[in-house]
Amino acid sequence: MKEAPKVSTETEPAAAAGRSTRNTGPGRLLIAVYAVFAISASARAGYQIATKFSEAPLAHLLSAFAALVYVVATISLAKPGRTWFKVSLAAVLVELAGVLVVGGFSLFDPVAFPHDTVWSLFGRGYGFVPLVLPVLGLLWLNKRRPGAGDGPGQTGTN
């Protein structure tokens, strides 16, 4: 007498999708840190723009831009799929470029930045987390990049 095949309560694609999203394991911590930065950068930019905009408009607009980048990164990292992966990659690359460019300019020309931004001095005011975060984000995205056989709603673990 043959043994009956095991019946799974999950379908194979659903199980694979659950294992291959960017919002599991260490990805949850990464998303949480991005969410904290999205909230803090938004609050900082809102306060600066409302109360001190005329003193340093460039710095305050850069703070608002950083906040927007953190919001986009948070949302896109939490969503599955190739499109959201591409949005995540773009957001994290823009963040890395921003922290490097703004950090460099604020170091070599402090007069241009009379008030700090999130990315000033490579994120010194935030314990250099803005400098490390995009590197960790890129490493995580590389680990969770979409595979060749993935459907439009899934990401691979290649």
Protein backbone atom coordinates (compact mmCIF):
# COMPACT_ATOMS: atom_id res chain seq x y z
CA MET A 1 0.00 0.00 0.00
CA LYS A 2 1.39 3.36 -1.04
CA GLU A 3 1.71 6.19 1.42
CA ALA A 4 -0.38 9.25 0.58
CA PRO A 5 1.64 12.30 -0.41
CA LYS A 6 1.95 14.99 2.21
CA VAL A 7 -0.47 17.85 1.73
CA SER A 8 0.87 21.30 2.36
CA THR A 9 -1.34 23.95 3.87
CA GLU A 10 0.54 26.57 1.84
CA THR A 11 0.88 26.73 -1.87
CA GLU A 12 4.44 26.60 -3.17
CA PRO A 13 4.48 30.15 -4.63
CA ALA A 14 3.08 31.60 -1.40
CA ALA A 15 5.69 29.79 0.68
CA ALA A 16 8.47 30.94 -1.63
CA ALA A 17 7.19 34.52 -1.58
CA GLY A 18 7.11 34.51 2.21
CA ARG A 19 10.72 33.37 2.38
CA SER A 20 12.03 35.74 -0.25
CA THR A 21 10.66 39.14 0.71
CA ARG A 22 12.88 41.96 1.92
CA ASN A 23 10.78 42.55 5.05
CA THR A 24 11.75 39.40 6.96
CA GLY A 25 14.52 38.70 9.44
CA PRO A 26 17.16 41.46 9.49
CA GLY A 27 15.11 43.31 6.88
CA ARG A 28 12.53 44.14 9.55
CA LEU A 29 15.18 45.84 11.67
CA LEU A 30 16.45 47.73 8.62
CA ILE A 31 12.91 48.91 7.81
CA ALA A 32 12.38 49.94 11.45
CA VAL A 33 15.56 52.05 11.42
CA TYR A 34 14.51 53.64 8.13
CA ALA A 35 11.08 54.38 9.65
CA VAL A 36 12.68 56.06 12.67
CA PHE A 37 14.82 58.18 10.35
CA ALA A 38 11.80 59.00 8.17
CA ILE A 39 9.93 60.27 11.22
CA SER A 40 12.86 62.12 12.80
CA ALA A 41 14.03 63.71 9.54
CA SER A 42 10.47 64.76 8.70
CA ALA A 43 9.98 66.32 12.14
CA ARG A 44 13.36 68.06 11.95
CA ALA A 45 12.70 69.42 8.46
CA GLY A 46 9.19 70.53 9.34
CA TYR A 47 10.40 72.38 12.41
CA GLN A 48 13.36 73.97 10.60
CA ILE A 49 11.28 75.09 7.64
CA ALA A 50 8.52 76.48 9.88
CA THR A 51 10.82 78.37 12.26
CA LYS A 52 14.25 78.98 10.69
CA PHE A 53 13.91 78.67 6.93
CA SER A 54 15.30 82.12 6.13
CA GLU A 55 18.48 81.43 8.13
CA ALA A 56 19.59 78.44 6.05
CA PRO A 57 17.17 77.56 3.24
CA LEU A 58 19.53 75.11 1.52
CA ALA A 59 20.15 73.12 4.69
CA HIS A 60 16.46 72.97 5.54
CA LEU A 61 15.42 71.94 2.05
CA LEU A 62 18.09 69.22 2.12
CA SER A 63 16.65 68.00 5.43
CA ALA A 64 13.23 67.80 3.79
CA PHE A 65 14.70 65.94 0.81
CA ALA A 66 16.43 63.48 3.16
CA ALA A 67 13.13 62.93 4.95
CA LEU A 68 11.43 62.15 1.64
CA VAL A 69 14.19 59.70 0.72
CA TYR A 70 13.82 57.93 4.08
CA VAL A 71 10.03 57.69 3.66
CA VAL A 72 10.37 56.20 0.16
CA ALA A 73 13.05 53.77 1.34
CA THR A 74 10.92 52.65 4.30
CA ILE A 75 7.85 51.99 2.19
CA SER A 76 9.67 50.34 -0.70
CA LEU A 77 11.74 48.05 1.53
CA ALA A 78 8.53 46.81 3.16
CA LYS A 79 6.83 45.98 -0.15
CA PRO A 80 7.50 42.82 -2.19
CA GLY A 81 8.08 42.71 -5.92
CA ARG A 82 10.56 43.72 -8.56
CA THR A 83 9.23 47.26 -8.94
CA TRP A 84 9.50 47.95 -5.21
CA PHE A 85 12.98 46.42 -5.24
CA LYS A 86 14.00 48.93 -7.91
CA VAL A 87 12.45 51.79 -5.94
CA SER A 88 14.32 50.60 -2.82
CA LEU A 89 17.58 50.41 -4.71
CA ALA A 90 17.12 53.90 -6.15
CA ALA A 91 16.19 55.37 -2.76
CA VAL A 92 19.16 53.80 -0.98
CA LEU A 93 21.56 54.89 -3.74
CA VAL A 94 20.20 58.46 -3.60
CA GLU A 95 20.60 58.36 0.18
CA LEU A 96 24.21 57.20 -0.10
CA ALA A 97 25.01 59.86 -2.70
CA GLY A 98 23.28 62.51 -0.58
CA VAL A 99 25.13 61.68 2.60
CA LEU A 100 28.46 61.59 0.75
CA VAL A 101 27.90 64.83 -1.20
CA VAL A 102 26.27 66.81 1.61
CA GLY A 103 28.72 65.36 4.13
CA GLY A 104 31.67 66.38 1.98
CA PHE A 105 30.36 69.88 1.25
CA SER A 106 29.49 70.50 4.89
CA LEU A 107 32.97 69.41 5.92
CA PHE A 108 34.87 71.49 3.36
CA ASP A 109 32.52 74.50 3.23
CA PRO A 110 30.81 74.85 6.61
CA VAL A 111 29.73 78.41 5.78
CA ALA A 112 27.35 76.99 3.16
CA PHE A 113 25.65 74.96 5.91
CA PRO A 114 25.03 77.29 8.87
CA HIS A 115 22.51 74.74 10.19
CA ASP A 116 23.00 70.98 10.14
CA THR A 117 21.03 68.61 7.97
CA VAL A 118 20.55 64.90 8.61
CA TRP A 119 23.43 64.27 6.22
CA SER A 120 25.76 67.09 7.42
CA LEU A 121 29.24 65.91 8.34
CA PHE A 122 28.24 62.43 7.15
CA GLY A 123 25.47 62.18 9.75
CA ARG A 124 27.61 63.07 12.76
CA GLY A 125 24.58 64.48 14.59
CA TYR A 126 22.92 61.07 14.28
CA GLY A 127 25.90 58.97 15.30
CA PHE A 128 26.96 58.44 11.66
CA VAL A 129 23.98 56.13 11.16
CA PRO A 130 23.06 58.03 7.95
CA LEU A 131 26.45 57.00 6.55
CA VAL A 132 26.20 53.34 7.59
CA LEU A 133 22.49 52.81 6.86
CA PRO A 134 22.65 52.97 3.05
CA VAL A 135 25.62 50.60 3.03
CA LEU A 136 23.64 48.10 5.10
CA GLY A 137 20.63 48.73 2.87
CA LEU A 138 22.64 47.97 -0.27
CA LEU A 139 24.05 44.80 1.28
CA TRP A 140 20.55 43.65 2.23
CA LEU A 141 19.15 44.49 -1.20
CA ASN A 142 22.00 42.60 -2.85
CA LYS A 143 21.16 39.56 -0.74
CA ARG A 144 17.46 39.84 -1.55
CA ARG A 145 17.62 40.95 -5.20
CA PRO A 146 15.03 39.48 -7.56
CA GLY A 147 16.00 36.20 -9.17
CA ALA A 148 15.54 35.28 -12.82
CA GLY A 149 12.67 32.89 -12.09
CA ASP A 150 10.74 35.14 -9.77
CA GLY A 151 7.30 36.35 -10.66
CA PRO A 152 6.34 40.02 -10.59
CA GLY A 153 5.25 39.86 -6.94
CA GLN A 154 8.24 37.97 -5.61
CA THR A 155 11.87 38.63 -4.91
CA GLY A 156 14.66 36.13 -4.99
CA THR A 157 17.27 35.20 -2.42
CA ASN A 158 20.14 35.00 -4.89
